[in-house]
Amino acid sequence: RFKIELRTDKERYQEGDYFKVHVKSDTDCYLILIAIDPTGTPTVLHPWRTNQPQKVSGGKEYVFEGPSSEMKWVIKPPTGRECLIAIATLQEVSPNLEQLMQMLGQLNQAKVESAPPLSGIKVVTPVRELQRLSLDKWNIAVCHFLSTGKDEFERKQE
């Protein structure tokens, strides 16, 4: 199996903060990066506005901070526990992103009350395209971070 690492630049963010996502695989692979907000709503962060995974080079750390140099990701309400998922495959697949997003939202809603898993924990997804690949041809990494609203942050400072 190949490894994929996923982390953010901080564990906690305040509303209005910009955030960065760090991804590193030990081999060349295709990557889909998804965020799930505290309400369970998933959003594809990478690739931006396309249904095709993008290839990344093995051994290189990629830092994603927005869809373009002019557009950065910022923490907005609703705040709370946020989940990031990196899906990496050794061969190009064309998953049904709408089906994938629905499934990920359902998974997150079921887990929202539990403690966050450590970064890099692998989860199995029922997406048919991934199921057709042998287990050594794909991997998933998950990480969590917390976000707080401005009012909540200011109360904690008092």
N, C-alpha and C. Protein backbone atom coordinates (compact mmCIF):
# COMPACT_ATOMS: atom_id res chain seq x y z
N ARG A 1 0.84 -1.21 0.00
CA ARG A 1 0.00 0.00 0.00
C ARG A 1 0.87 1.24 0.00
N PHE A 2 0.38 2.26 -0.64
CA PHE A 2 1.07 3.54 -0.58
C PHE A 2 0.45 4.36 0.55
N LYS A 3 1.19 5.36 0.99
CA LYS A 3 0.72 6.18 2.11
C LYS A 3 0.32 7.56 1.61
N ILE A 4 -0.66 8.12 2.28
CA ILE A 4 -1.05 9.52 2.03
C ILE A 4 -1.22 10.19 3.39
N GLU A 5 -0.67 11.38 3.50
CA GLU A 5 -0.75 12.16 4.73
C GLU A 5 -1.61 13.40 4.46
N LEU A 6 -2.38 13.78 5.47
CA LEU A 6 -3.29 14.92 5.35
C LEU A 6 -3.29 15.67 6.67
N ARG A 7 -3.09 16.99 6.62
CA ARG A 7 -3.14 17.80 7.84
C ARG A 7 -3.45 19.25 7.46
N THR A 8 -3.85 20.01 8.47
CA THR A 8 -4.04 21.45 8.30
C THR A 8 -2.87 22.16 8.97
N ASP A 9 -2.73 23.46 8.73
CA ASP A 9 -1.63 24.19 9.35
C ASP A 9 -1.87 24.48 10.82
N LYS A 10 -3.13 24.38 11.30
CA LYS A 10 -3.45 24.54 12.72
C LYS A 10 -4.55 23.55 13.09
N GLU A 11 -4.72 23.31 14.40
CA GLU A 11 -5.79 22.44 14.87
C GLU A 11 -7.07 23.20 15.18
N ARG A 12 -6.95 24.51 15.43
CA ARG A 12 -8.10 25.35 15.76
C ARG A 12 -8.04 26.64 14.95
N TYR A 13 -9.22 27.06 14.49
CA TYR A 13 -9.34 28.29 13.73
C TYR A 13 -10.48 29.11 14.28
N GLN A 14 -10.39 30.43 14.08
CA GLN A 14 -11.47 31.34 14.45
C GLN A 14 -12.16 31.79 13.17
N GLU A 15 -13.43 32.09 13.27
CA GLU A 15 -14.17 32.64 12.13
C GLU A 15 -13.38 33.79 11.51
N GLY A 16 -13.23 33.75 10.19
CA GLY A 16 -12.47 34.78 9.49
C GLY A 16 -11.03 34.37 9.18
N ASP A 17 -10.52 33.32 9.87
CA ASP A 17 -9.16 32.82 9.60
C ASP A 17 -9.10 32.14 8.24
N TYR A 18 -7.97 32.25 7.60
CA TYR A 18 -7.71 31.46 6.39
C TYR A 18 -7.10 30.14 6.82
N PHE A 19 -7.38 29.07 6.06
CA PHE A 19 -6.77 27.79 6.42
C PHE A 19 -6.09 27.16 5.21
N LYS A 20 -5.09 26.34 5.52
CA LYS A 20 -4.34 25.63 4.49
C LYS A 20 -4.42 24.13 4.77
N VAL A 21 -4.40 23.36 3.69
CA VAL A 21 -4.43 21.90 3.79
C VAL A 21 -3.15 21.37 3.17
N HIS A 22 -2.46 20.49 3.91
CA HIS A 22 -1.21 19.88 3.45
C HIS A 22 -1.47 18.42 3.11
N VAL A 23 -1.05 18.01 1.91
CA VAL A 23 -1.24 16.63 1.46
C VAL A 23 0.09 16.12 0.91
N LYS A 24 0.44 14.89 1.29
CA LYS A 24 1.67 14.28 0.77
C LYS A 24 1.45 12.78 0.60
N SER A 25 1.79 12.28 -0.57
CA SER A 25 1.71 10.85 -0.86
C SER A 25 3.13 10.36 -1.11
N ASP A 26 3.38 9.09 -0.83
CA ASP A 26 4.72 8.57 -1.08
C ASP A 26 4.89 8.07 -2.52
N THR A 27 3.85 8.20 -3.33
CA THR A 27 3.93 7.81 -4.74
C THR A 27 3.02 8.71 -5.58
N ASP A 28 3.26 8.78 -6.87
CA ASP A 28 2.38 9.56 -7.76
C ASP A 28 0.97 9.00 -7.66
N CYS A 29 -0.03 9.88 -7.59
CA CYS A 29 -1.41 9.42 -7.49
C CYS A 29 -2.36 10.52 -7.94
N TYR A 30 -3.62 10.15 -8.10
CA TYR A 30 -4.69 11.09 -8.40
C TYR A 30 -5.37 11.45 -7.09
N LEU A 31 -5.74 12.73 -6.93
CA LEU A 31 -6.21 13.22 -5.64
C LEU A 31 -7.56 13.93 -5.75
N ILE A 32 -8.44 13.62 -4.79
CA ILE A 32 -9.67 14.37 -4.56
C ILE A 32 -9.62 14.80 -3.09
N LEU A 33 -9.87 16.08 -2.82
CA LEU A 33 -9.85 16.61 -1.47
C LEU A 33 -11.22 17.17 -1.15
N ILE A 34 -11.82 16.70 -0.05
CA ILE A 34 -13.19 17.07 0.31
C ILE A 34 -13.24 17.59 1.74
N ALA A 35 -14.01 18.66 1.96
CA ALA A 35 -14.25 19.19 3.31
C ALA A 35 -15.70 18.92 3.68
N ILE A 36 -15.92 18.57 4.94
CA ILE A 36 -17.28 18.38 5.45
C ILE A 36 -17.46 19.33 6.62
N ASP A 37 -18.43 20.26 6.51
CA ASP A 37 -18.62 21.26 7.56
C ASP A 37 -19.37 20.66 8.74
N PRO A 38 -19.51 21.42 9.85
CA PRO A 38 -20.16 20.88 11.05
C PRO A 38 -21.60 20.42 10.86
N THR A 39 -22.28 20.85 9.78
CA THR A 39 -23.65 20.40 9.55
C THR A 39 -23.68 19.11 8.73
N GLY A 40 -22.50 18.63 8.28
CA GLY A 40 -22.45 17.42 7.46
C GLY A 40 -22.48 17.69 5.97
N THR A 41 -22.37 18.95 5.57
CA THR A 41 -22.40 19.32 4.15
C THR A 41 -21.01 19.18 3.55
N PRO A 42 -20.83 18.29 2.55
CA PRO A 42 -19.52 18.13 1.93
C PRO A 42 -19.30 19.11 0.78
N THR A 43 -18.04 19.51 0.58
CA THR A 43 -17.64 20.40 -0.51
C THR A 43 -16.33 19.88 -1.10
N VAL A 44 -16.25 19.77 -2.41
CA VAL A 44 -15.00 19.38 -3.05
C VAL A 44 -14.08 20.60 -3.05
N LEU A 45 -12.91 20.45 -2.42
CA LEU A 45 -11.92 21.52 -2.41
C LEU A 45 -10.93 21.38 -3.57
N HIS A 46 -10.64 20.14 -3.92
CA HIS A 46 -9.70 19.88 -5.02
C HIS A 46 -10.12 18.60 -5.71
N PRO A 47 -10.26 18.52 -6.98
CA PRO A 47 -10.06 19.60 -7.94
C PRO A 47 -11.23 20.58 -7.92
N TRP A 48 -10.94 21.83 -8.18
CA TRP A 48 -11.94 22.88 -8.14
C TRP A 48 -12.72 22.91 -9.46
N ARG A 49 -14.04 22.77 -9.37
CA ARG A 49 -14.97 22.88 -10.51
C ARG A 49 -14.72 21.89 -11.65
N THR A 50 -14.32 20.69 -11.31
CA THR A 50 -14.16 19.65 -12.32
C THR A 50 -14.49 18.31 -11.67
N ASN A 51 -14.85 17.35 -12.47
CA ASN A 51 -15.16 16.02 -11.93
C ASN A 51 -13.99 15.07 -12.01
N GLN A 52 -12.83 15.54 -12.45
CA GLN A 52 -11.69 14.65 -12.64
C GLN A 52 -10.63 14.86 -11.57
N PRO A 53 -10.20 13.78 -10.91
CA PRO A 53 -9.10 13.89 -9.94
C PRO A 53 -7.85 14.43 -10.64
N GLN A 54 -7.03 15.14 -9.91
CA GLN A 54 -5.80 15.71 -10.44
C GLN A 54 -4.61 14.89 -9.95
N LYS A 55 -3.62 14.71 -10.81
CA LYS A 55 -2.44 13.92 -10.45
C LYS A 55 -1.49 14.77 -9.61
N VAL A 56 -0.94 14.15 -8.56
CA VAL A 56 0.09 14.77 -7.72
C VAL A 56 1.31 13.86 -7.72
N SER A 57 2.46 14.45 -7.50
CA SER A 57 3.73 13.70 -7.52
C SER A 57 4.05 13.14 -6.15
N GLY A 58 4.54 11.91 -6.12
CA GLY A 58 4.93 11.27 -4.88
C GLY A 58 6.14 11.95 -4.25
N GLY A 59 6.17 11.99 -2.91
CA GLY A 59 7.28 12.56 -2.19
C GLY A 59 7.24 14.07 -2.06
N LYS A 60 6.31 14.72 -2.69
CA LYS A 60 6.19 16.18 -2.65
C LYS A 60 5.00 16.57 -1.79
N GLU A 61 5.21 17.53 -0.88
CA GLU A 61 4.09 18.02 -0.08
C GLU A 61 3.39 19.14 -0.86
N TYR A 62 2.07 19.00 -0.99
CA TYR A 62 1.25 20.01 -1.64
C TYR A 62 0.51 20.80 -0.57
N VAL A 63 0.48 22.11 -0.74
CA VAL A 63 -0.25 22.97 0.19
C VAL A 63 -1.38 23.63 -0.60
N PHE A 64 -2.61 23.32 -0.21
CA PHE A 64 -3.79 23.88 -0.85
C PHE A 64 -4.36 24.94 0.10
N GLU A 65 -4.62 26.14 -0.43
CA GLU A 65 -5.17 27.19 0.41
C GLU A 65 -6.35 27.91 -0.23
N GLY A 66 -6.78 27.40 -1.37
CA GLY A 66 -7.93 27.98 -2.04
C GLY A 66 -7.94 27.55 -3.49
N PRO A 67 -9.03 27.83 -4.19
CA PRO A 67 -9.14 27.41 -5.58
C PRO A 67 -8.19 28.14 -6.52
N SER A 68 -7.69 29.33 -6.10
CA SER A 68 -6.75 30.08 -6.94
C SER A 68 -5.94 31.00 -6.04
N SER A 69 -4.95 31.65 -6.62
CA SER A 69 -4.13 32.57 -5.82
C SER A 69 -4.95 33.78 -5.36
N GLU A 70 -6.03 34.09 -6.07
CA GLU A 70 -6.89 35.21 -5.67
C GLU A 70 -7.99 34.80 -4.70
N MET A 71 -8.32 33.51 -4.65
CA MET A 71 -9.40 33.02 -3.79
C MET A 71 -8.84 32.07 -2.75
N LYS A 72 -8.92 32.46 -1.47
CA LYS A 72 -8.42 31.64 -0.37
C LYS A 72 -9.60 31.09 0.44
N TRP A 73 -9.40 29.92 1.06
CA TRP A 73 -10.43 29.35 1.92
C TRP A 73 -10.45 30.09 3.25
N VAL A 74 -11.63 30.43 3.72
CA VAL A 74 -11.78 31.17 4.97
C VAL A 74 -12.83 30.47 5.83
N ILE A 75 -12.63 30.49 7.15
CA ILE A 75 -13.58 29.88 8.09
C ILE A 75 -14.81 30.78 8.20
N LYS A 76 -15.98 30.20 7.92
CA LYS A 76 -17.26 30.91 8.00
C LYS A 76 -18.23 30.05 8.80
N PRO A 77 -19.27 30.65 9.37
CA PRO A 77 -20.30 29.84 10.04
C PRO A 77 -20.95 28.88 9.05
N PRO A 78 -21.41 27.74 9.46
CA PRO A 78 -21.43 27.27 10.84
C PRO A 78 -20.04 26.81 11.28
N THR A 79 -19.74 27.04 12.54
CA THR A 79 -18.45 26.62 13.07
C THR A 79 -18.63 25.38 13.94
N GLY A 80 -17.53 24.72 14.26
CA GLY A 80 -17.55 23.49 15.04
C GLY A 80 -16.50 22.53 14.52
N ARG A 81 -16.78 21.25 14.59
CA ARG A 81 -15.84 20.23 14.11
C ARG A 81 -15.91 20.13 12.59
N GLU A 82 -14.77 20.32 11.95
CA GLU A 82 -14.67 20.24 10.49
C GLU A 82 -13.91 18.97 10.14
N CYS A 83 -14.23 18.35 9.03
CA CYS A 83 -13.58 17.11 8.61
C CYS A 83 -13.03 17.29 7.19
N LEU A 84 -11.80 16.84 6.98
CA LEU A 84 -11.19 16.83 5.65
C LEU A 84 -10.90 15.40 5.26
N ILE A 85 -11.13 15.08 4.00
CA ILE A 85 -10.89 13.73 3.49
C ILE A 85 -10.10 13.84 2.20
N ALA A 86 -8.98 13.12 2.13
CA ALA A 86 -8.19 13.03 0.90
C ALA A 86 -8.37 11.63 0.34
N ILE A 87 -8.81 11.53 -0.90
CA ILE A 87 -8.98 10.24 -1.59
C ILE A 87 -7.92 10.19 -2.68
N ALA A 88 -7.05 9.19 -2.60
CA ALA A 88 -5.95 9.05 -3.56
C ALA A 88 -6.03 7.71 -4.26
N THR A 89 -5.84 7.71 -5.58
CA THR A 89 -5.85 6.47 -6.35
C THR A 89 -4.62 6.44 -7.26
N LEU A 90 -4.12 5.23 -7.52
CA LEU A 90 -2.95 5.10 -8.39
C LEU A 90 -3.32 5.15 -9.86
N GLN A 91 -4.58 4.90 -10.17
CA GLN A 91 -5.02 5.04 -11.54
C GLN A 91 -6.21 5.99 -11.56
N GLU A 92 -6.39 6.66 -12.67
CA GLU A 92 -7.47 7.65 -12.77
C GLU A 92 -8.82 6.95 -12.73
N VAL A 93 -9.68 7.42 -11.88
CA VAL A 93 -11.06 6.93 -11.81
C VAL A 93 -11.98 8.13 -12.00
N SER A 94 -13.18 7.87 -12.39
CA SER A 94 -14.17 8.93 -12.55
C SER A 94 -15.34 8.66 -11.62
N PRO A 95 -15.14 8.92 -10.33
CA PRO A 95 -16.25 8.65 -9.40
C PRO A 95 -17.40 9.61 -9.63
N ASN A 96 -18.57 9.16 -9.29
CA ASN A 96 -19.75 10.02 -9.32
C ASN A 96 -19.63 10.92 -8.10
N LEU A 97 -19.14 12.16 -8.29
CA LEU A 97 -18.89 13.03 -7.15
C LEU A 97 -20.15 13.37 -6.37
N GLU A 98 -21.28 13.45 -7.04
CA GLU A 98 -22.53 13.73 -6.33
C GLU A 98 -22.86 12.59 -5.37
N GLN A 99 -22.71 11.35 -5.83
CA GLN A 99 -22.97 10.19 -4.97
C GLN A 99 -21.93 10.15 -3.84
N LEU A 100 -20.69 10.43 -4.18
CA LEU A 100 -19.63 10.44 -3.18
C LEU A 100 -19.90 11.48 -2.10
N MET A 101 -20.32 12.67 -2.50
CA MET A 101 -20.60 13.74 -1.55
C MET A 101 -21.76 13.38 -0.63
N GLN A 102 -22.81 12.78 -1.18
CA GLN A 102 -23.94 12.36 -0.35
C GLN A 102 -23.50 11.34 0.68
N MET A 103 -22.71 10.36 0.25
CA MET A 103 -22.25 9.33 1.15
C MET A 103 -21.36 9.91 2.25
N LEU A 104 -20.47 10.83 1.90
CA LEU A 104 -19.58 11.42 2.89
C LEU A 104 -20.36 12.26 3.89
N GLY A 105 -21.36 12.98 3.44
CA GLY A 105 -22.19 13.75 4.35
C GLY A 105 -22.91 12.85 5.34
N GLN A 106 -23.40 11.70 4.88
CA GLN A 106 -24.07 10.75 5.77
C GLN A 106 -23.08 10.17 6.77
N LEU A 107 -21.87 9.85 6.33
CA LEU A 107 -20.85 9.32 7.24
C LEU A 107 -20.51 10.34 8.32
N ASN A 108 -20.33 11.59 7.93
CA ASN A 108 -19.95 12.62 8.89
C ASN A 108 -21.06 12.85 9.91
N GLN A 109 -22.33 12.85 9.48
CA GLN A 109 -23.42 13.05 10.42
C GLN A 109 -23.46 11.93 11.45
N ALA A 110 -23.10 10.73 11.05
CA ALA A 110 -23.09 9.62 11.99
C ALA A 110 -21.95 9.74 12.98
N LYS A 111 -20.85 10.43 12.60
CA LYS A 111 -19.67 10.51 13.44
C LYS A 111 -19.55 11.83 14.20
N VAL A 112 -20.44 12.76 13.96
CA VAL A 112 -20.25 14.11 14.47
C VAL A 112 -20.15 14.18 15.99
N GLU A 113 -20.77 13.26 16.71
CA GLU A 113 -20.72 13.28 18.16
C GLU A 113 -19.51 12.55 18.73
N SER A 114 -18.81 11.77 17.92
CA SER A 114 -17.69 10.99 18.44
C SER A 114 -16.40 11.79 18.37
N ALA A 115 -15.38 11.33 19.10
CA ALA A 115 -14.07 11.99 19.07
C ALA A 115 -13.46 11.85 17.69
N PRO A 116 -12.69 12.85 17.24
CA PRO A 116 -12.12 12.77 15.91
C PRO A 116 -11.04 11.71 15.82
N PRO A 117 -10.98 10.97 14.71
CA PRO A 117 -9.90 10.01 14.54
C PRO A 117 -8.59 10.74 14.27
N LEU A 118 -7.49 10.07 14.50
CA LEU A 118 -6.19 10.65 14.19
C LEU A 118 -6.03 10.81 12.69
N SER A 119 -5.25 11.80 12.30
CA SER A 119 -5.00 12.02 10.88
C SER A 119 -4.38 10.78 10.28
N GLY A 120 -4.81 10.42 9.08
CA GLY A 120 -4.24 9.27 8.41
C GLY A 120 -5.02 7.99 8.61
N ILE A 121 -6.05 8.00 9.47
CA ILE A 121 -6.86 6.79 9.64
C ILE A 121 -7.59 6.52 8.34
N LYS A 122 -7.56 5.28 7.92
CA LYS A 122 -8.17 4.92 6.65
C LYS A 122 -9.62 4.49 6.87
N VAL A 123 -10.49 4.95 6.01
CA VAL A 123 -11.89 4.54 6.05
C VAL A 123 -12.24 3.92 4.71
N VAL A 124 -13.17 2.99 4.73
CA VAL A 124 -13.59 2.34 3.49
C VAL A 124 -14.86 3.00 3.00
N THR A 125 -14.91 3.33 1.74
CA THR A 125 -16.06 3.99 1.15
C THR A 125 -16.74 3.07 0.14
N PRO A 126 -18.05 3.10 0.05
CA PRO A 126 -18.74 2.20 -0.87
C PRO A 126 -18.85 2.72 -2.29
N VAL A 127 -18.02 3.65 -2.70
CA VAL A 127 -18.08 4.17 -4.06
C VAL A 127 -17.64 3.07 -5.02
N ARG A 128 -18.47 2.78 -6.00
CA ARG A 128 -18.22 1.64 -6.90
C ARG A 128 -16.89 1.73 -7.62
N GLU A 129 -16.52 2.91 -8.09
CA GLU A 129 -15.25 3.04 -8.81
C GLU A 129 -14.07 2.63 -7.93
N LEU A 130 -14.11 3.00 -6.66
CA LEU A 130 -13.02 2.63 -5.76
C LEU A 130 -13.06 1.14 -5.44
N GLN A 131 -14.25 0.59 -5.32
CA GLN A 131 -14.37 -0.84 -5.01
C GLN A 131 -13.78 -1.71 -6.11
N ARG A 132 -13.79 -1.22 -7.32
CA ARG A 132 -13.25 -2.01 -8.42
C ARG A 132 -11.73 -2.07 -8.40
N LEU A 133 -11.09 -1.14 -7.67
CA LEU A 133 -9.63 -1.14 -7.58
C LEU A 133 -9.19 -2.09 -6.47
N SER A 134 -8.04 -2.73 -6.66
CA SER A 134 -7.52 -3.56 -5.57
C SER A 134 -7.07 -2.64 -4.44
N LEU A 135 -7.03 -3.16 -3.23
CA LEU A 135 -6.77 -2.33 -2.06
C LEU A 135 -5.42 -1.61 -2.11
N ASP A 136 -4.47 -2.13 -2.83
CA ASP A 136 -3.17 -1.46 -2.90
C ASP A 136 -3.15 -0.33 -3.94
N LYS A 137 -4.28 -0.05 -4.59
CA LYS A 137 -4.36 0.98 -5.63
C LYS A 137 -5.05 2.26 -5.17
N TRP A 138 -5.51 2.31 -3.93
CA TRP A 138 -6.16 3.52 -3.43
C TRP A 138 -6.01 3.62 -1.92
N ASN A 139 -6.17 4.81 -1.42
CA ASN A 139 -6.08 5.04 0.02
C ASN A 139 -6.86 6.31 0.36
N ILE A 140 -7.25 6.42 1.61
CA ILE A 140 -7.99 7.58 2.09
C ILE A 140 -7.36 8.05 3.39
N ALA A 141 -7.21 9.36 3.55
CA ALA A 141 -6.75 9.94 4.81
C ALA A 141 -7.81 10.92 5.30
N VAL A 142 -7.97 10.99 6.62
CA VAL A 142 -8.97 11.85 7.24
C VAL A 142 -8.29 12.69 8.32
N CYS A 143 -8.64 13.96 8.41
CA CYS A 143 -8.20 14.77 9.55
C CYS A 143 -9.34 15.70 9.95
N HIS A 144 -9.27 16.18 11.18
CA HIS A 144 -10.29 17.07 11.73
C HIS A 144 -9.63 18.32 12.27
N PHE A 145 -10.39 19.42 12.31
CA PHE A 145 -9.97 20.61 13.03
C PHE A 145 -11.21 21.27 13.60
N LEU A 146 -11.01 22.15 14.56
CA LEU A 146 -12.13 22.85 15.20
C LEU A 146 -12.14 24.30 14.76
N SER A 147 -13.34 24.84 14.56
CA SER A 147 -13.50 26.26 14.26
C SER A 147 -14.48 26.85 15.26
N THR A 148 -14.22 28.12 15.63
CA THR A 148 -15.10 28.80 16.56
C THR A 148 -15.54 30.12 15.95
N GLY A 149 -16.74 30.56 16.32
CA GLY A 149 -17.25 31.84 15.85
C GLY A 149 -16.59 32.98 16.59
N LYS A 150 -16.70 34.19 16.07
CA LYS A 150 -16.07 35.35 16.69
C LYS A 150 -16.60 35.58 18.10
N ASP A 151 -17.92 35.49 18.30
CA ASP A 151 -18.49 35.71 19.63
C ASP A 151 -17.97 34.69 20.62
N GLU A 152 -17.94 33.42 20.22
CA GLU A 152 -17.47 32.36 21.10
C GLU A 152 -15.99 32.55 21.44
N PHE A 153 -15.18 32.93 20.46
CA PHE A 153 -13.75 33.15 20.67
C PHE A 153 -13.52 34.30 21.64
N GLU A 154 -14.27 35.41 21.46
CA GLU A 154 -14.12 36.58 22.32
C GLU A 154 -14.51 36.27 23.76
N ARG A 155 -15.56 35.43 23.97
CA ARG A 155 -15.97 35.05 25.32
C ARG A 155 -14.89 34.26 26.02
N LYS A 156 -14.19 33.38 25.28
CA LYS A 156 -13.12 32.56 25.87
C LYS A 156 -11.93 33.41 26.27
N GLN A 157 -11.73 34.55 25.61
CA GLN A 157 -10.60 35.44 25.91
C GLN A 157 -10.85 36.26 27.18
N GLU A 158 -12.12 36.43 27.57
CA GLU A 158 -12.46 37.27 28.74
C GLU A 158 -12.16 36.56 30.04
